[in-house]
């Protein structure tokens, strides 16, 4: 056997064991046929999923900001003024309020 043949034989052997090791570590899962229509399916460990559910509960328990019509109008006006350049910078505001002293 030439050195090159021995190298490739060894490389195939090592690749086989790398694949075997990877497969041995991974868990086998069965995906039900009903999930075939789902394009994106993610499998995560149970502890990670539990952490996600805890985070989701905390997030849902926090009230979100829902602006009134007047607040939406004020926000739209502020955005128009900002686009026109009609605003002051933070250093300017500090100077006008006397906080730069």
C-alpha atoms as a PDB file:
ATOM      1  CA  UNK A   1       0.000   0.000   0.000  1.00  0.00           C
ATOM      2  CA  UNK A   2       1.414   3.362  -0.958  1.00  0.00           C
ATOM      3  CA  UNK A   3       1.596   6.214   1.496  1.00  0.00           C
ATOM      4  CA  UNK A   4      -1.130   8.054  -0.415  1.00  0.00           C
ATOM      5  CA  UNK A   5      -3.503   5.067  -0.293  1.00  0.00           C
ATOM      6  CA  UNK A   6      -2.790   4.648   3.408  1.00  0.00           C
ATOM      7  CA  UNK A   7      -3.497   8.354   3.969  1.00  0.00           C
ATOM      8  CA  UNK A   8      -6.857   8.180   2.206  1.00  0.00           C
ATOM      9  CA  UNK A   9      -7.774   4.931   3.959  1.00  0.00           C
ATOM     10  CA  UNK A  10      -6.945   6.547   7.309  1.00  0.00           C
ATOM     11  CA  UNK A  11      -8.842   9.707   6.377  1.00  0.00           C
ATOM     12  CA  UNK A  12     -11.957   7.686   5.434  1.00  0.00           C
ATOM     13  CA  UNK A  13     -11.667   5.778   8.696  1.00  0.00           C
ATOM     14  CA  UNK A  14     -11.357   9.002  10.719  1.00  0.00           C
ATOM     15  CA  UNK A  15     -14.266  10.618   8.870  1.00  0.00           C
ATOM     16  CA  UNK A  16     -16.355   7.521   9.578  1.00  0.00           C
ATOM     17  CA  UNK A  17     -15.628   7.809  13.294  1.00  0.00           C
ATOM     18  CA  UNK A  18     -16.291  11.544  13.296  1.00  0.00           C
ATOM     19  CA  UNK A  19     -19.696  10.904  11.745  1.00  0.00           C
ATOM     20  CA  UNK A  20     -20.306   8.002  14.125  1.00  0.00           C
ATOM     21  CA  UNK A  21     -19.396  10.160  17.139  1.00  0.00           C
ATOM     22  CA  UNK A  22     -21.693  12.944  15.954  1.00  0.00           C
ATOM     23  CA  UNK A  23     -24.571  10.554  15.439  1.00  0.00           C
ATOM     24  CA  UNK A  24     -23.972   8.871  18.785  1.00  0.00           C
ATOM     25  CA  UNK A  25     -24.246  12.224  20.580  1.00  0.00           C
ATOM     26  CA  UNK A  26     -27.329  13.424  18.740  1.00  0.00           C
ATOM     27  CA  UNK A  27     -30.786  12.323  19.819  1.00  0.00           C
ATOM     28  CA  UNK A  28     -33.091  10.734  17.291  1.00  0.00           C
ATOM     29  CA  UNK A  29     -36.452  12.412  16.843  1.00  0.00           C
ATOM     30  CA  UNK A  30     -39.483  11.509  14.777  1.00  0.00           C
ATOM     31  CA  UNK A  31     -41.345  14.332  13.093  1.00  0.00           C
ATOM     32  CA  UNK A  32     -45.055  13.592  12.619  1.00  0.00           C
ATOM     33  CA  UNK A  33     -46.411  13.704   9.074  1.00  0.00           C
ATOM     34  CA  UNK A  34     -48.635  16.674   9.946  1.00  0.00           C
ATOM     35  CA  UNK A  35     -45.540  18.855  10.265  1.00  0.00           C
ATOM     36  CA  UNK A  36     -44.657  18.391   6.598  1.00  0.00           C
ATOM     37  CA  UNK A  37     -46.390  21.655   5.663  1.00  0.00           C
ATOM     38  CA  UNK A  38     -44.320  23.622   8.178  1.00  0.00           C
ATOM     39  CA  UNK A  39     -41.293  25.044   6.410  1.00  0.00           C
ATOM     40  CA  UNK A  40     -39.303  25.891   9.536  1.00  0.00           C
ATOM     41  CA  UNK A  41     -39.115  23.450  12.420  1.00  0.00           C
ATOM     42  CA  UNK A  42     -36.670  23.961  15.276  1.00  0.00           C
ATOM     43  CA  UNK A  43     -35.792  21.332  17.867  1.00  0.00           C
ATOM     44  CA  UNK A  44     -34.373  22.597  21.165  1.00  0.00           C
ATOM     45  CA  UNK A  45     -33.554  20.934  24.485  1.00  0.00           C
ATOM     46  CA  UNK A  46     -36.373  20.863  27.042  1.00  0.00           C
ATOM     47  CA  UNK A  47     -34.516  23.187  29.444  1.00  0.00           C
ATOM     48  CA  UNK A  48     -34.055  25.789  26.709  1.00  0.00           C
ATOM     49  CA  UNK A  49     -37.739  25.533  25.816  1.00  0.00           C
ATOM     50  CA  UNK A  50     -38.693  25.950  29.482  1.00  0.00           C
ATOM     51  CA  UNK A  51     -36.531  29.087  29.689  1.00  0.00           C
ATOM     52  CA  UNK A  52     -38.249  30.395  26.557  1.00  0.00           C
ATOM     53  CA  UNK A  53     -41.702  29.792  28.061  1.00  0.00           C
ATOM     54  CA  UNK A  54     -40.690  31.627  31.250  1.00  0.00           C
ATOM     55  CA  UNK A  55     -39.413  34.563  29.187  1.00  0.00           C
ATOM     56  CA  UNK A  56     -42.609  34.561  27.136  1.00  0.00           C
ATOM     57  CA  UNK A  57     -44.768  34.712  30.292  1.00  0.00           C
ATOM     58  CA  UNK A  58     -42.742  37.668  31.594  1.00  0.00           C
ATOM     59  CA  UNK A  59     -42.967  39.455  28.259  1.00  0.00           C
ATOM     60  CA  UNK A  60     -46.711  38.969  27.952  1.00  0.00           C
ATOM     61  CA  UNK A  61     -47.267  40.145  31.511  1.00  0.00           C
ATOM     62  CA  UNK A  62     -45.651  43.500  30.705  1.00  0.00           C
ATOM     63  CA  UNK A  63     -48.126  46.006  29.359  1.00  0.00           C
ATOM     64  CA  UNK A  64     -47.290  47.383  25.957  1.00  0.00           C
ATOM     65  CA  UNK A  65     -47.620  51.000  24.925  1.00  0.00           C
ATOM     66  CA  UNK A  66     -50.720  51.647  22.838  1.00  0.00           C
ATOM     67  CA  UNK A  67     -50.817  55.308  21.832  1.00  0.00           C
ATOM     68  CA  UNK A  68     -54.043  57.242  21.621  1.00  0.00           C
ATOM     69  CA  UNK A  69     -55.014  59.113  18.452  1.00  0.00           C
ATOM     70  CA  UNK A  70     -53.630  62.370  19.909  1.00  0.00           C
ATOM     71  CA  UNK A  71     -50.331  60.679  20.770  1.00  0.00           C
ATOM     72  CA  UNK A  72     -50.094  59.205  17.257  1.00  0.00           C
ATOM     73  CA  UNK A  73     -50.633  62.677  15.779  1.00  0.00           C
ATOM     74  CA  UNK A  74     -48.002  64.187  18.078  1.00  0.00           C
ATOM     75  CA  UNK A  75     -45.548  61.471  17.097  1.00  0.00           C
ATOM     76  CA  UNK A  76     -46.196  62.031  13.395  1.00  0.00           C
ATOM     77  CA  UNK A  77     -45.665  65.791  13.891  1.00  0.00           C
ATOM     78  CA  UNK A  78     -42.393  65.151  15.745  1.00  0.00           C
ATOM     79  CA  UNK A  79     -41.171  62.906  12.930  1.00  0.00           C
ATOM     80  CA  UNK A  80     -41.969  65.564  10.320  1.00  0.00           C
ATOM     81  CA  UNK A  81     -40.115  68.200  12.347  1.00  0.00           C
ATOM     82  CA  UNK A  82     -37.129  65.899  12.749  1.00  0.00           C
ATOM     83  CA  UNK A  83     -37.061  65.249   8.998  1.00  0.00           C
ATOM     84  CA  UNK A  84     -37.022  69.021   8.392  1.00  0.00           C
ATOM     85  CA  UNK A  85     -34.126  69.405  10.829  1.00  0.00           C
ATOM     86  CA  UNK A  86     -36.278  71.327  13.304  1.00  0.00           C
ATOM     87  CA  UNK A  87     -34.782  69.962  16.519  1.00  0.00           C
ATOM     88  CA  UNK A  88     -32.037  70.682  19.053  1.00  0.00           C
ATOM     89  CA  UNK A  89     -29.216  68.407  20.130  1.00  0.00           C
ATOM     90  CA  UNK A  90     -28.672  67.158  23.668  1.00  0.00           C
ATOM     91  CA  UNK A  91     -25.688  69.480  24.282  1.00  0.00           C
ATOM     92  CA  UNK A  92     -27.845  72.440  23.108  1.00  0.00           C
ATOM     93  CA  UNK A  93     -30.643  71.408  25.485  1.00  0.00           C
ATOM     94  CA  UNK A  94     -28.204  71.081  28.398  1.00  0.00           C
ATOM     95  CA  UNK A  95     -26.826  74.555  27.610  1.00  0.00           C
ATOM     96  CA  UNK A  96     -30.305  76.110  27.431  1.00  0.00           C
ATOM     97  CA  UNK A  97     -31.302  74.488  30.730  1.00  0.00           C
ATOM     98  CA  UNK A  98     -28.061  75.524  32.386  1.00  0.00           C
ATOM     99  CA  UNK A  99     -26.719  72.022  33.064  1.00  0.00           C
ATOM    100  CA  UNK A 100     -23.416  72.649  31.266  1.00  0.00           C
ATOM    101  CA  UNK A 101     -22.034  74.765  34.064  1.00  0.00           C
END
